[in-house]
Structures are given as structure tokens and as C-alpha cells.
Amino acid sequence: MSILKKTAVPSEHVEQSMLVQWFRRSYPNVLIFAVPNGGARSKATAGKLKVEGVVPGIPDLFVPEWKLWIEMKRTKGGAVSDEQFGMIDYLQSVGYHVIVGKGAEHAKAQILEFLNEERT
């Protein structure tokens, strides 16, 4: 019998929250906002949101100034859905940048790489 303790993988919510906090400290004059597209909800609420324009697959975060969308996943266990892949392809085809962050640290690294590429 193993005595090793399993460490819990942080939720997507925790990872996204950590990324947003880092981003807002690092780039206080650049807007980043969440798109509340996911989560469990009743059929009635889902129907109302659909009529209001909610679209499945939209990435979690948007940085308008940089035309950058960010889809957040857990470091382990999170997978991009077919709807998300389709939306990522669409957004890229119309001129947006999209990154998929497997955790806050991975997303930070990709944001810094994106900024470095934009400056060269």
C-alpha cells in the first residue's frame, strides 16, 4: 500500500483566476475580461443565454488591445472540445490570436512568447 499523498490538480477556475491576477498586476493598463460561457445551468437559463447570443466554444478570456483570446484548461485532465477547436480555427481565420493555456503558468509563458513575437 502506497503512503504517497495525491496532490489535487487545481481547477480551471483556480488556474484562470491566478492568470487574471498575474495579468492585471503585470499589465494594469490592458483590459482582460472573462466570457462567462461555461458552467452548469438550467435548461431555461441556457435557452435565455442562447437567445442573448451566447455561443458554445468561445474561449474563456479576451484581451481586446492585443486581439488575443485565451482558452484555459487544467494542467492535467482538461481537453479542448470539438466546439472549442472549431471556434479557435474560426477566430484565427478572421485575424485573432488564440492560445490554450494548460494552467496559469503555461498560459503566462504563451502570453510572454506572443508579446515577444509581436515586438519583433
PDB file of N, CA and C in Angstrom:
ATOM      1  N   MET A   1       0.840  -1.184   0.000  1.00  0.00           N
ATOM      2  CA  MET A   1       0.000   0.000   0.000  1.00  0.00           C
ATOM      3  C   MET A   1       0.886   1.248   0.000  1.00  0.00           C
ATOM      4  N   SER A   2       0.599   2.166  -0.879  1.00  0.00           N
ATOM      5  CA  SER A   2       1.401   3.374  -1.024  1.00  0.00           C
ATOM      6  C   SER A   2       0.994   4.421   0.008  1.00  0.00           C
ATOM      7  N   ILE A   3       1.987   5.094   0.541  1.00  0.00           N
ATOM      8  CA  ILE A   3       1.736   6.152   1.521  1.00  0.00           C
ATOM      9  C   ILE A   3       1.746   7.525   0.831  1.00  0.00           C
ATOM     10  N   LEU A   4       2.116   7.548  -0.442  1.00  0.00           N
ATOM     11  CA  LEU A   4       2.186   8.813  -1.155  1.00  0.00           C
ATOM     12  C   LEU A   4       0.823   9.477  -1.221  1.00  0.00           C
ATOM     13  N   LYS A   5       0.804  10.754  -0.907  1.00  0.00           N
ATOM     14  CA  LYS A   5      -0.439  11.519  -0.932  1.00  0.00           C
ATOM     15  C   LYS A   5      -0.635  12.095  -2.333  1.00  0.00           C
ATOM     16  N   LYS A   6      -1.828  11.929  -2.869  1.00  0.00           N
ATOM     17  CA  LYS A   6      -2.142  12.519  -4.164  1.00  0.00           C
ATOM     18  C   LYS A   6      -2.341  14.019  -3.989  1.00  0.00           C
ATOM     19  N   THR A   7      -1.710  14.786  -4.855  1.00  0.00           N
ATOM     20  CA  THR A   7      -1.940  16.225  -4.819  1.00  0.00           C
ATOM     21  C   THR A   7      -3.039  16.546  -5.817  1.00  0.00           C
ATOM     22  N   ALA A   8      -3.993  17.324  -5.386  1.00  0.00           N
ATOM     23  CA  ALA A   8      -5.114  17.686  -6.243  1.00  0.00           C
ATOM     24  C   ALA A   8      -4.648  18.635  -7.342  1.00  0.00           C
ATOM     25  N   VAL A   9      -5.172  18.414  -8.521  1.00  0.00           N
ATOM     26  CA  VAL A   9      -4.895  19.310  -9.638  1.00  0.00           C
ATOM     27  C   VAL A   9      -5.841  20.502  -9.501  1.00  0.00           C
ATOM     28  N   PRO A  10      -5.299  21.734  -9.501  1.00  0.00           N
ATOM     29  CA  PRO A  10      -6.173  22.902  -9.366  1.00  0.00           C
ATOM     30  C   PRO A  10      -7.244  22.924 -10.463  1.00  0.00           C
ATOM     31  N   SER A  11      -8.403  23.426 -10.120  1.00  0.00           N
ATOM     32  CA  SER A  11      -9.496  23.526 -11.088  1.00  0.00           C
ATOM     33  C   SER A  11      -9.170  24.577 -12.145  1.00  0.00           C
ATOM     34  N   GLU A  12      -9.925  24.530 -13.236  1.00  0.00           N
ATOM     35  CA  GLU A  12      -9.771  25.551 -14.277  1.00  0.00           C
ATOM     36  C   GLU A  12     -10.069  26.934 -13.689  1.00  0.00           C
ATOM     37  N   HIS A  13     -11.046  27.018 -12.805  1.00  0.00           N
ATOM     38  CA  HIS A  13     -11.382  28.287 -12.152  1.00  0.00           C
ATOM     39  C   HIS A  13     -10.169  28.859 -11.405  1.00  0.00           C
ATOM     40  N   VAL A  14      -9.501  28.017 -10.626  1.00  0.00           N
ATOM     41  CA  VAL A  14      -8.330  28.460  -9.867  1.00  0.00           C
ATOM     42  C   VAL A  14      -7.225  28.910 -10.817  1.00  0.00           C
ATOM     43  N   GLU A  15      -6.957  28.116 -11.849  1.00  0.00           N
ATOM     44  CA  GLU A  15      -5.903  28.464 -12.815  1.00  0.00           C
ATOM     45  C   GLU A  15      -6.224  29.780 -13.517  1.00  0.00           C
ATOM     46  N   GLN A  16      -7.470  29.942 -13.955  1.00  0.00           N
ATOM     47  CA  GLN A  16      -7.858  31.166 -14.650  1.00  0.00           C
ATOM     48  C   GLN A  16      -7.770  32.364 -13.724  1.00  0.00           C
ATOM     49  N   SER A  17      -8.206  32.203 -12.482  1.00  0.00           N
ATOM     50  CA  SER A  17      -8.126  33.300 -11.513  1.00  0.00           C
ATOM     51  C   SER A  17      -6.680  33.734 -11.287  1.00  0.00           C
ATOM     52  N   MET A  18      -5.776  32.762 -11.161  1.00  0.00           N
ATOM     53  CA  MET A  18      -4.353  33.090 -10.961  1.00  0.00           C
ATOM     54  C   MET A  18      -3.798  33.822 -12.176  1.00  0.00           C
ATOM     55  N   LEU A  19      -4.182  33.397 -13.377  1.00  0.00           N
ATOM     56  CA  LEU A  19      -3.701  34.058 -14.588  1.00  0.00           C
ATOM     57  C   LEU A  19      -4.203  35.501 -14.647  1.00  0.00           C
ATOM     58  N   VAL A  20      -5.482  35.704 -14.377  1.00  0.00           N
ATOM     59  CA  VAL A  20      -6.046  37.052 -14.446  1.00  0.00           C
ATOM     60  C   VAL A  20      -5.377  37.967 -13.418  1.00  0.00           C
ATOM     61  N   GLN A  21      -5.149  37.472 -12.218  1.00  0.00           N
ATOM     62  CA  GLN A  21      -4.466  38.280 -11.202  1.00  0.00           C
ATOM     63  C   GLN A  21      -3.070  38.665 -11.670  1.00  0.00           C
ATOM     64  N   TRP A  22      -2.302  37.709 -12.208  1.00  0.00           N
ATOM     65  CA  TRP A  22      -0.962  37.997 -12.726  1.00  0.00           C
ATOM     66  C   TRP A  22      -1.034  39.013 -13.861  1.00  0.00           C
ATOM     67  N   PHE A  23      -1.963  38.807 -14.788  1.00  0.00           N
ATOM     68  CA  PHE A  23      -2.081  39.695 -15.944  1.00  0.00           C
ATOM     69  C   PHE A  23      -2.377  41.117 -15.504  1.00  0.00           C
ATOM     70  N   ARG A  24      -3.327  41.276 -14.601  1.00  0.00           N
ATOM     71  CA  ARG A  24      -3.715  42.625 -14.169  1.00  0.00           C
ATOM     72  C   ARG A  24      -2.609  43.329 -13.386  1.00  0.00           C
ATOM     73  N   ARG A  25      -1.798  42.566 -12.669  1.00  0.00           N
ATOM     74  CA  ARG A  25      -0.627  43.167 -11.999  1.00  0.00           C
ATOM     75  C   ARG A  25       0.442  43.538 -13.032  1.00  0.00           C
ATOM     76  N   SER A  26       0.641  42.675 -14.007  1.00  0.00           N
ATOM     77  CA  SER A  26       1.714  42.867 -14.991  1.00  0.00           C
ATOM     78  C   SER A  26       1.368  43.907 -16.053  1.00  0.00           C
ATOM     79  N   TYR A  27       0.109  44.001 -16.421  1.00  0.00           N
ATOM     80  CA  TYR A  27      -0.334  44.900 -17.493  1.00  0.00           C
ATOM     81  C   TYR A  27      -1.562  45.680 -17.015  1.00  0.00           C
ATOM     82  N   PRO A  28      -1.388  46.570 -16.042  1.00  0.00           N
ATOM     83  CA  PRO A  28      -2.539  47.240 -15.420  1.00  0.00           C
ATOM     84  C   PRO A  28      -3.353  48.117 -16.363  1.00  0.00           C
ATOM     85  N   ASN A  29      -2.780  48.526 -17.474  1.00  0.00           N
ATOM     86  CA  ASN A  29      -3.494  49.394 -18.415  1.00  0.00           C
ATOM     87  C   ASN A  29      -4.049  48.642 -19.619  1.00  0.00           C
ATOM     88  N   VAL A  30      -4.004  47.322 -19.572  1.00  0.00           N
ATOM     89  CA  VAL A  30      -4.507  46.497 -20.669  1.00  0.00           C
ATOM     90  C   VAL A  30      -5.704  45.697 -20.143  1.00  0.00           C
ATOM     91  N   LEU A  31      -6.822  45.827 -20.823  1.00  0.00           N
ATOM     92  CA  LEU A  31      -8.046  45.149 -20.398  1.00  0.00           C
ATOM     93  C   LEU A  31      -8.000  43.652 -20.723  1.00  0.00           C
ATOM     94  N   ILE A  32      -8.311  42.842 -19.737  1.00  0.00           N
ATOM     95  CA  ILE A  32      -8.558  41.421 -19.923  1.00  0.00           C
ATOM     96  C   ILE A  32      -9.898  41.146 -19.258  1.00  0.00           C
ATOM     97  N   PHE A  33     -10.745  40.373 -19.924  1.00  0.00           N
ATOM     98  CA  PHE A  33     -12.017  40.046 -19.305  1.00  0.00           C
ATOM     99  C   PHE A  33     -12.431  38.628 -19.646  1.00  0.00           C
ATOM    100  N   ALA A  34     -13.274  38.084 -18.764  1.00  0.00           N
ATOM    101  CA  ALA A  34     -13.767  36.718 -18.927  1.00  0.00           C
ATOM    102  C   ALA A  34     -15.076  36.728 -19.703  1.00  0.00           C
ATOM    103  N   VAL A  35     -15.271  35.664 -20.457  1.00  0.00           N
ATOM    104  CA  VAL A  35     -16.526  35.441 -21.156  1.00  0.00           C
ATOM    105  C   VAL A  35     -17.241  34.320 -20.400  1.00  0.00           C
ATOM    106  N   PRO A  36     -18.317  34.638 -19.704  1.00  0.00           N
ATOM    107  CA  PRO A  36     -18.989  33.618 -18.884  1.00  0.00           C
ATOM    108  C   PRO A  36     -19.825  32.671 -19.733  1.00  0.00           C
ATOM    109  N   ASN A  37     -19.135  31.835 -20.478  1.00  0.00           N
ATOM    110  CA  ASN A  37     -19.790  30.963 -21.445  1.00  0.00           C
ATOM    111  C   ASN A  37     -20.037  29.562 -20.917  1.00  0.00           C
ATOM    112  N   GLY A  38     -19.278  29.133 -19.928  1.00  0.00           N
ATOM    113  CA  GLY A  38     -19.380  27.753 -19.475  1.00  0.00           C
ATOM    114  C   GLY A  38     -20.159  27.626 -18.191  1.00  0.00           C
ATOM    115  N   GLY A  39     -20.063  26.465 -17.624  1.00  0.00           N
ATOM    116  CA  GLY A  39     -20.694  26.224 -16.340  1.00  0.00           C
ATOM    117  C   GLY A  39     -22.033  25.532 -16.464  1.00  0.00           C
ATOM    118  N   ALA A  40     -22.404  24.873 -15.395  1.00  0.00           N
ATOM    119  CA  ALA A  40     -23.691  24.176 -15.350  1.00  0.00           C
ATOM    120  C   ALA A  40     -24.805  25.196 -15.139  1.00  0.00           C
ATOM    121  N   ARG A  41     -25.889  24.991 -15.844  1.00  0.00           N
ATOM    122  CA  ARG A  41     -27.039  25.884 -15.706  1.00  0.00           C
ATOM    123  C   ARG A  41     -28.294  25.123 -16.097  1.00  0.00           C
ATOM    124  N   SER A  42     -29.421  25.654 -15.701  1.00  0.00           N
ATOM    125  CA  SER A  42     -30.692  25.010 -16.029  1.00  0.00           C
ATOM    126  C   SER A  42     -30.976  25.158 -17.524  1.00  0.00           C
ATOM    127  N   LYS A  43     -31.885  24.330 -18.028  1.00  0.00           N
ATOM    128  CA  LYS A  43     -32.271  24.427 -19.444  1.00  0.00           C
ATOM    129  C   LYS A  43     -32.888  25.793 -19.743  1.00  0.00           C
ATOM    130  N   ALA A  44     -33.663  26.319 -18.806  1.00  0.00           N
ATOM    131  CA  ALA A  44     -34.294  27.633 -19.009  1.00  0.00           C
ATOM    132  C   ALA A  44     -33.238  28.724 -19.131  1.00  0.00           C
ATOM    133  N   THR A  45     -32.246  28.701 -18.236  1.00  0.00           N
ATOM    134  CA  THR A  45     -31.171  29.705 -18.293  1.00  0.00           C
ATOM    135  C   THR A  45     -30.359  29.532 -19.565  1.00  0.00           C
ATOM    136  N   ALA A  46     -30.051  28.296 -19.930  1.00  0.00           N
ATOM    137  CA  ALA A  46     -29.293  28.041 -21.161  1.00  0.00           C
ATOM    138  C   ALA A  46     -30.042  28.583 -22.378  1.00  0.00           C
ATOM    139  N   GLY A  47     -31.354  28.394 -22.399  1.00  0.00           N
ATOM    140  CA  GLY A  47     -32.162  28.907 -23.506  1.00  0.00           C
ATOM    141  C   GLY A  47     -32.143  30.418 -23.576  1.00  0.00           C
ATOM    142  N   LYS A  48     -32.258  31.076 -22.422  1.00  0.00           N
ATOM    143  CA  LYS A  48     -32.210  32.544 -22.387  1.00  0.00           C
ATOM    144  C   LYS A  48     -30.855  33.045 -22.873  1.00  0.00           C
ATOM    145  N   LEU A  49     -29.777  32.420 -22.405  1.00  0.00           N
ATOM    146  CA  LEU A  49     -28.436  32.861 -22.802  1.00  0.00           C
ATOM    147  C   LEU A  49     -28.205  32.651 -24.293  1.00  0.00           C
ATOM    148  N   LYS A  50     -28.709  31.562 -24.835  1.00  0.00           N
ATOM    149  CA  LYS A  50     -28.553  31.303 -26.275  1.00  0.00           C
ATOM    150  C   LYS A  50     -29.232  32.396 -27.085  1.00  0.00           C
ATOM    151  N   VAL A  51     -30.448  32.779 -26.685  1.00  0.00           N
ATOM    152  CA  VAL A  51     -31.177  33.844 -27.368  1.00  0.00           C
ATOM    153  C   VAL A  51     -30.426  35.171 -27.261  1.00  0.00           C
ATOM    154  N   GLU A  52     -29.742  35.372 -26.123  1.00  0.00           N
ATOM    155  CA  GLU A  52     -28.973  36.604 -25.921  1.00  0.00           C
ATOM    156  C   GLU A  52     -27.666  36.622 -26.699  1.00  0.00           C
ATOM    157  N   GLY A  53     -27.275  35.485 -27.277  1.00  0.00           N
ATOM    158  CA  GLY A  53     -26.081  35.469 -28.106  1.00  0.00           C
ATOM    159  C   GLY A  53     -24.932  34.619 -27.613  1.00  0.00           C
ATOM    160  N   VAL A  54     -25.123  33.890 -26.531  1.00  0.00           N
ATOM    161  CA  VAL A  54     -24.058  33.008 -26.055  1.00  0.00           C
ATOM    162  C   VAL A  54     -23.805  31.937 -27.117  1.00  0.00           C
ATOM    163  N   VAL A  55     -22.526  31.711 -27.411  1.00  0.00           N
ATOM    164  CA  VAL A  55     -22.132  30.745 -28.431  1.00  0.00           C
ATOM    165  C   VAL A  55     -21.175  29.738 -27.812  1.00  0.00           C
ATOM    166  N   PRO A  56     -21.443  28.447 -27.985  1.00  0.00           N
ATOM    167  CA  PRO A  56     -20.532  27.431 -27.437  1.00  0.00           C
ATOM    168  C   PRO A  56     -19.145  27.520 -28.068  1.00  0.00           C
ATOM    169  N   GLY A  57     -18.136  27.246 -27.269  1.00  0.00           N
ATOM    170  CA  GLY A  57     -16.772  27.172 -27.790  1.00  0.00           C
ATOM    171  C   GLY A  57     -15.967  28.448 -27.705  1.00  0.00           C
ATOM    172  N   ILE A  58     -16.592  29.563 -27.320  1.00  0.00           N
ATOM    173  CA  ILE A  58     -15.855  30.823 -27.207  1.00  0.00           C
ATOM    174  C   ILE A  58     -14.805  30.666 -26.106  1.00  0.00           C
ATOM    175  N   PRO A  59     -13.565  31.098 -26.345  1.00  0.00           N
ATOM    176  CA  PRO A  59     -12.533  30.994 -25.301  1.00  0.00           C
ATOM    177  C   PRO A  59     -12.900  31.775 -24.037  1.00  0.00           C
ATOM    178  N   ASP A  60     -12.218  31.449 -22.958  1.00  0.00           N
ATOM    179  CA  ASP A  60     -12.545  31.966 -21.627  1.00  0.00           C
ATOM    180  C   ASP A  60     -12.222  33.433 -21.418  1.00  0.00           C
ATOM    181  N   LEU A  61     -11.134  33.914 -22.001  1.00  0.00           N
ATOM    182  CA  LEU A  61     -10.650  35.273 -21.738  1.00  0.00           C
ATOM    183  C   LEU A  61     -10.363  35.997 -23.041  1.00  0.00           C
ATOM    184  N   PHE A  62     -10.492  37.330 -23.010  1.00  0.00           N
ATOM    185  CA  PHE A  62     -10.194  38.133 -24.186  1.00  0.00           C
ATOM    186  C   PHE A  62      -9.402  39.365 -23.779  1.00  0.00           C
ATOM    187  N   VAL A  63      -8.386  39.694 -24.580  1.00  0.00           N
ATOM    188  CA  VAL A  63      -7.571  40.900 -24.415  1.00  0.00           C
ATOM    189  C   VAL A  63      -7.760  41.702 -25.706  1.00  0.00           C
ATOM    190  N   PRO A  64      -8.731  42.642 -25.731  1.00  0.00           N
ATOM    191  CA  PRO A  64      -9.057  43.353 -26.965  1.00  0.00           C
ATOM    192  C   PRO A  64      -7.881  44.085 -27.612  1.00  0.00           C
ATOM    193  N   GLU A  65      -7.087  44.764 -26.807  1.00  0.00           N
ATOM    194  CA  GLU A  65      -5.972  45.555 -27.330  1.00  0.00           C
ATOM    195  C   GLU A  65      -4.987  44.710 -28.133  1.00  0.00           C
ATOM    196  N   TRP A  66      -4.853  43.470 -27.752  1.00  0.00           N
ATOM    197  CA  TRP A  66      -3.887  42.576 -28.408  1.00  0.00           C
ATOM    198  C   TRP A  66      -4.561  41.598 -29.372  1.00  0.00           C
ATOM    199  N   LYS A  67      -5.888  41.701 -29.506  1.00  0.00           N
ATOM    200  CA  LYS A  67      -6.649  40.747 -30.334  1.00  0.00           C
ATOM    201  C   LYS A  67      -6.313  39.317 -29.945  1.00  0.00           C
ATOM    202  N   LEU A  68      -6.279  39.085 -28.632  1.00  0.00           N
ATOM    203  CA  LEU A  68      -5.842  37.804 -28.088  1.00  0.00           C
ATOM    204  C   LEU A  68      -6.952  37.140 -27.283  1.00  0.00           C
ATOM    205  N   TRP A  69      -7.288  35.929 -27.675  1.00  0.00           N
ATOM    206  CA  TRP A  69      -8.218  35.078 -26.938  1.00  0.00           C
ATOM    207  C   TRP A  69      -7.414  34.036 -26.184  1.00  0.00           C
ATOM    208  N   ILE A  70      -7.870  33.677 -24.988  1.00  0.00           N
ATOM    209  CA  ILE A  70      -7.175  32.688 -24.162  1.00  0.00           C
ATOM    210  C   ILE A  70      -8.184  31.645 -23.695  1.00  0.00           C
ATOM    211  N   GLU A  71      -7.935  30.412 -24.044  1.00  0.00           N
ATOM    212  CA  GLU A  71      -8.740  29.294 -23.551  1.00  0.00           C
ATOM    213  C   GLU A  71      -7.953  28.642 -22.424  1.00  0.00           C
ATOM    214  N   MET A  72      -8.553  28.561 -21.251  1.00  0.00           N
ATOM    215  CA  MET A  72      -7.874  27.984 -20.093  1.00  0.00           C
ATOM    216  C   MET A  72      -8.307  26.537 -19.869  1.00  0.00           C
ATOM    217  N   LYS A  73      -7.337  25.728 -19.489  1.00  0.00           N
ATOM    218  CA  LYS A  73      -7.571  24.334 -19.113  1.00  0.00           C
ATOM    219  C   LYS A  73      -6.787  24.045 -17.844  1.00  0.00           C
ATOM    220  N   ARG A  74      -7.156  22.956 -17.184  1.00  0.00           N
ATOM    221  CA  ARG A  74      -6.382  22.492 -16.032  1.00  0.00           C
ATOM    222  C   ARG A  74      -5.041  21.972 -16.535  1.00  0.00           C
ATOM    223  N   THR A  75      -4.082  21.897 -15.634  1.00  0.00           N
ATOM    224  CA  THR A  75      -2.767  21.385 -16.033  1.00  0.00           C
ATOM    225  C   THR A  75      -2.843  19.924 -16.443  1.00  0.00           C
ATOM    226  N   LYS A  76      -3.754  19.183 -15.838  1.00  0.00           N
ATOM    227  CA  LYS A  76      -3.959  17.779 -16.184  1.00  0.00           C
ATOM    228  C   LYS A  76      -5.456  17.522 -16.263  1.00  0.00           C
ATOM    229  N   GLY A  77      -5.853  16.836 -17.303  1.00  0.00           N
ATOM    230  CA  GLY A  77      -7.248  16.428 -17.402  1.00  0.00           C
ATOM    231  C   GLY A  77      -8.130  17.336 -18.234  1.00  0.00           C
ATOM    232  N   GLY A  78      -7.722  18.543 -18.502  1.00  0.00           N
ATOM    233  CA  GLY A  78      -8.528  19.447 -19.314  1.00  0.00           C
ATOM    234  C   GLY A  78      -8.284  19.194 -20.795  1.00  0.00           C
ATOM    235  N   ALA A  79      -9.354  19.157 -21.561  1.00  0.00           N
ATOM    236  CA  ALA A  79      -9.218  18.904 -23.004  1.00  0.00           C
ATOM    237  C   ALA A  79     -10.039  19.935 -23.773  1.00  0.00           C
ATOM    238  N   VAL A  80      -9.530  20.310 -24.933  1.00  0.00           N
ATOM    239  CA  VAL A  80     -10.237  21.232 -25.817  1.00  0.00           C
ATOM    240  C   VAL A  80     -11.320  20.433 -26.544  1.00  0.00           C
ATOM    241  N   SER A  81     -12.553  20.925 -26.490  1.00  0.00           N
ATOM    242  CA  SER A  81     -13.674  20.234 -27.137  1.00  0.00           C
ATOM    243  C   SER A  81     -13.665  20.509 -28.642  1.00  0.00           C
ATOM    244  N   ASP A  82     -14.445  19.727 -29.368  1.00  0.00           N
ATOM    245  CA  ASP A  82     -14.577  19.943 -30.810  1.00  0.00           C
ATOM    246  C   ASP A  82     -15.122  21.337 -31.100  1.00  0.00           C
ATOM    247  N   GLU A  83     -16.110  21.786 -30.295  1.00  0.00           N
ATOM    248  CA  GLU A  83     -16.656  23.140 -30.475  1.00  0.00           C
ATOM    249  C   GLU A  83     -15.577  24.191 -30.259  1.00  0.00           C
ATOM    250  N   GLN A  84     -14.718  23.981 -29.264  1.00  0.00           N
ATOM    251  CA  GLN A  84     -13.642  24.937 -28.995  1.00  0.00           C
ATOM    252  C   GLN A  84     -12.616  24.939 -30.119  1.00  0.00           C
ATOM    253  N   PHE A  85     -12.252  23.750 -30.625  1.00  0.00           N
ATOM    254  CA  PHE A  85     -11.328  23.695 -31.768  1.00  0.00           C
ATOM    255  C   PHE A  85     -11.910  24.450 -32.958  1.00  0.00           C
ATOM    256  N   GLY A  86     -13.191  24.253 -33.218  1.00  0.00           N
ATOM    257  CA  GLY A  86     -13.834  24.953 -34.329  1.00  0.00           C
ATOM    258  C   GLY A  86     -13.816  26.455 -34.140  1.00  0.00           C
ATOM    259  N   MET A  87     -14.078  26.920 -32.927  1.00  0.00           N
ATOM    260  CA  MET A  87     -14.079  28.351 -32.655  1.00  0.00           C
ATOM    261  C   MET A  87     -12.661  28.926 -32.751  1.00  0.00           C
ATOM    262  N   ILE A  88     -11.681  28.184 -32.256  1.00  0.00           N
ATOM    263  CA  ILE A  88     -10.284  28.631 -32.360  1.00  0.00           C
ATOM    264  C   ILE A  88      -9.902  28.790 -33.832  1.00  0.00           C
ATOM    265  N   ASP A  89     -10.240  27.806 -34.655  1.00  0.00           N
ATOM    266  CA  ASP A  89      -9.946  27.899 -36.094  1.00  0.00           C
ATOM    267  C   ASP A  89     -10.616  29.130 -36.707  1.00  0.00           C
ATOM    268  N   TYR A  90     -11.887  29.340 -36.358  1.00  0.00           N
ATOM    269  CA  TYR A  90     -12.612  30.484 -36.893  1.00  0.00           C
ATOM    270  C   TYR A  90     -11.958  31.800 -36.470  1.00  0.00           C
ATOM    271  N   LEU A  91     -11.693  31.958 -35.172  1.00  0.00           N
ATOM    272  CA  LEU A  91     -11.107  33.201 -34.676  1.00  0.00           C
ATOM    273  C   LEU A  91      -9.760  33.488 -35.339  1.00  0.00           C
ATOM    274  N   GLN A  92      -8.945  32.469 -35.504  1.00  0.00           N
ATOM    275  CA  GLN A  92      -7.660  32.657 -36.173  1.00  0.00           C
ATOM    276  C   GLN A  92      -7.852  33.032 -37.643  1.00  0.00           C
ATOM    277  N   SER A  93      -8.867  32.472 -38.276  1.00  0.00           N
ATOM    278  CA  SER A  93      -9.099  32.762 -39.700  1.00  0.00           C
ATOM    279  C   SER A  93      -9.543  34.201 -39.941  1.00  0.00           C
ATOM    280  N   VAL A  94     -10.086  34.860 -38.899  1.00  0.00           N
ATOM    281  CA  VAL A  94     -10.516  36.250 -39.054  1.00  0.00           C
ATOM    282  C   VAL A  94      -9.562  37.232 -38.361  1.00  0.00           C
ATOM    283  N   GLY A  95      -8.338  36.766 -38.070  1.00  0.00           N
ATOM    284  CA  GLY A  95      -7.294  37.680 -37.634  1.00  0.00           C
ATOM    285  C   GLY A  95      -7.003  37.777 -36.152  1.00  0.00           C
ATOM    286  N   TYR A  96      -7.599  36.922 -35.337  1.00  0.00           N
ATOM    287  CA  TYR A  96      -7.312  36.941 -33.908  1.00  0.00           C
ATOM    288  C   TYR A  96      -6.231  35.922 -33.568  1.00  0.00           C
ATOM    289  N   HIS A  97      -5.570  36.147 -32.453  1.00  0.00           N
ATOM    290  CA  HIS A  97      -4.601  35.198 -31.904  1.00  0.00           C
ATOM    291  C   HIS A  97      -5.325  34.427 -30.804  1.00  0.00           C
ATOM    292  N   VAL A  98      -5.039  33.138 -30.719  1.00  0.00           N
ATOM    293  CA  VAL A  98      -5.668  32.308 -29.690  1.00  0.00           C
ATOM    294  C   VAL A  98      -4.602  31.421 -29.071  1.00  0.00           C
ATOM    295  N   ILE A  99      -4.569  31.392 -27.747  1.00  0.00           N
ATOM    296  CA  ILE A  99      -3.686  30.456 -27.060  1.00  0.00           C
ATOM    297  C   ILE A  99      -4.534  29.575 -26.151  1.00  0.00           C
ATOM    298  N   VAL A 100      -4.055  28.368 -25.931  1.00  0.00           N
ATOM    299  CA  VAL A 100      -4.682  27.457 -24.983  1.00  0.00           C
ATOM    300  C   VAL A 100      -3.670  27.250 -23.870  1.00  0.00           C
ATOM    301  N   GLY A 101      -4.043  27.666 -22.665  1.00  0.00           N
ATOM    302  CA  GLY A 101      -3.154  27.550 -21.520  1.00  0.00           C
ATOM    303  C   GLY A 101      -3.515  26.343 -20.678  1.00  0.00           C
ATOM    304  N   LYS A 102      -2.572  25.435 -20.535  1.00  0.00           N
ATOM    305  CA  LYS A 102      -2.776  24.284 -19.639  1.00  0.00           C
ATOM    306  C   LYS A 102      -2.265  24.704 -18.263  1.00  0.00           C
ATOM    307  N   GLY A 103      -3.079  25.505 -17.596  1.00  0.00           N
ATOM    308  CA  GLY A 103      -2.712  26.071 -16.313  1.00  0.00           C
ATOM    309  C   GLY A 103      -2.201  27.491 -16.466  1.00  0.00           C
ATOM    310  N   ALA A 104      -2.162  28.210 -15.348  1.00  0.00           N
ATOM    311  CA  ALA A 104      -1.757  29.620 -15.360  1.00  0.00           C
ATOM    312  C   ALA A 104      -0.319  29.807 -15.833  1.00  0.00           C
ATOM    313  N   GLU A 105       0.582  28.973 -15.368  1.00  0.00           N
ATOM    314  CA  GLU A 105       1.995  29.138 -15.750  1.00  0.00           C
ATOM    315  C   GLU A 105       2.198  28.930 -17.245  1.00  0.00           C
ATOM    316  N   HIS A 106       1.546  27.936 -17.802  1.00  0.00           N
ATOM    317  CA  HIS A 106       1.647  27.672 -19.240  1.00  0.00           C
ATOM    318  C   HIS A 106       1.055  28.837 -20.034  1.00  0.00           C
ATOM    319  N   ALA A 107      -0.082  29.355 -19.584  1.00  0.00           N
ATOM    320  CA  ALA A 107      -0.704  30.489 -20.258  1.00  0.00           C
ATOM    321  C   ALA A 107       0.194  31.729 -20.187  1.00  0.00           C
ATOM    322  N   LYS A 108       0.784  31.992 -19.019  1.00  0.00           N
ATOM    323  CA  LYS A 108       1.712  33.131 -18.879  1.00  0.00           C
ATOM    324  C   LYS A 108       2.851  33.021 -19.877  1.00  0.00           C
ATOM    325  N   ALA A 109       3.450  31.843 -19.953  1.00  0.00           N
ATOM    326  CA  ALA A 109       4.570  31.636 -20.874  1.00  0.00           C
ATOM    327  C   ALA A 109       4.142  31.912 -22.313  1.00  0.00           C
ATOM    328  N   GLN A 110       2.946  31.471 -22.677  1.00  0.00           N
ATOM    329  CA  GLN A 110       2.469  31.707 -24.043  1.00  0.00           C
ATOM    330  C   GLN A 110       2.167  33.188 -24.297  1.00  0.00           C
ATOM    331  N   ILE A 111       1.655  33.874 -23.292  1.00  0.00           N
ATOM    332  CA  ILE A 111       1.401  35.311 -23.441  1.00  0.00           C
ATOM    333  C   ILE A 111       2.714  36.048 -23.643  1.00  0.00           C
ATOM    334  N   LEU A 112       3.713  35.725 -22.840  1.00  0.00           N
ATOM    335  CA  LEU A 112       5.019  36.373 -22.984  1.00  0.00           C
ATOM    336  C   LEU A 112       5.647  36.060 -24.339  1.00  0.00           C
ATOM    337  N   GLU A 113       5.504  34.839 -24.806  1.00  0.00           N
ATOM    338  CA  GLU A 113       6.002  34.468 -26.140  1.00  0.00           C
ATOM    339  C   GLU A 113       5.258  35.242 -27.221  1.00  0.00           C
ATOM    340  N   PHE A 114       3.950  35.352 -27.091  1.00  0.00           N
ATOM    341  CA  PHE A 114       3.125  36.115 -28.033  1.00  0.00           C
ATOM    342  C   PHE A 114       3.600  37.563 -28.092  1.00  0.00           C
ATOM    343  N   LEU A 115       3.815  38.184 -26.931  1.00  0.00           N
ATOM    344  CA  LEU A 115       4.271  39.580 -26.889  1.00  0.00           C
ATOM    345  C   LEU A 115       5.641  39.739 -27.510  1.00  0.00           C
ATOM    346  N   ASN A 116       6.515  38.787 -27.260  1.00  0.00           N
ATOM    347  CA  ASN A 116       7.857  38.829 -27.831  1.00  0.00           C
ATOM    348  C   ASN A 116       7.797  38.750 -29.357  1.00  0.00           C
ATOM    349  N   GLU A 117       6.947  37.873 -29.866  1.00  0.00           N
ATOM    350  CA  GLU A 117       6.794  37.733 -31.335  1.00  0.00           C
ATOM    351  C   GLU A 117       6.193  38.981 -31.945  1.00  0.00           C
ATOM    352  N   GLU A 118       5.243  39.600 -31.252  1.00  0.00           N
ATOM    353  CA  GLU A 118       4.593  40.816 -31.762  1.00  0.00           C
ATOM    354  C   GLU A 118       5.577  41.984 -31.836  1.00  0.00           C
ATOM    355  N   ARG A 119       6.564  41.995 -30.979  1.00  0.00           N
ATOM    356  CA  ARG A 119       7.524  43.098 -30.940  1.00  0.00           C
ATOM    357  C   ARG A 119       8.670  42.932 -31.927  1.00  0.00           C
ATOM    358  N   THR A 120       8.804  41.746 -32.496  1.00  0.00           N
ATOM    359  CA  THR A 120       9.915  41.513 -33.447  1.00  0.00           C
ATOM    360  C   THR A 120       9.452  41.588 -34.863  1.00  0.00           C
TER     361      THR A 120
END
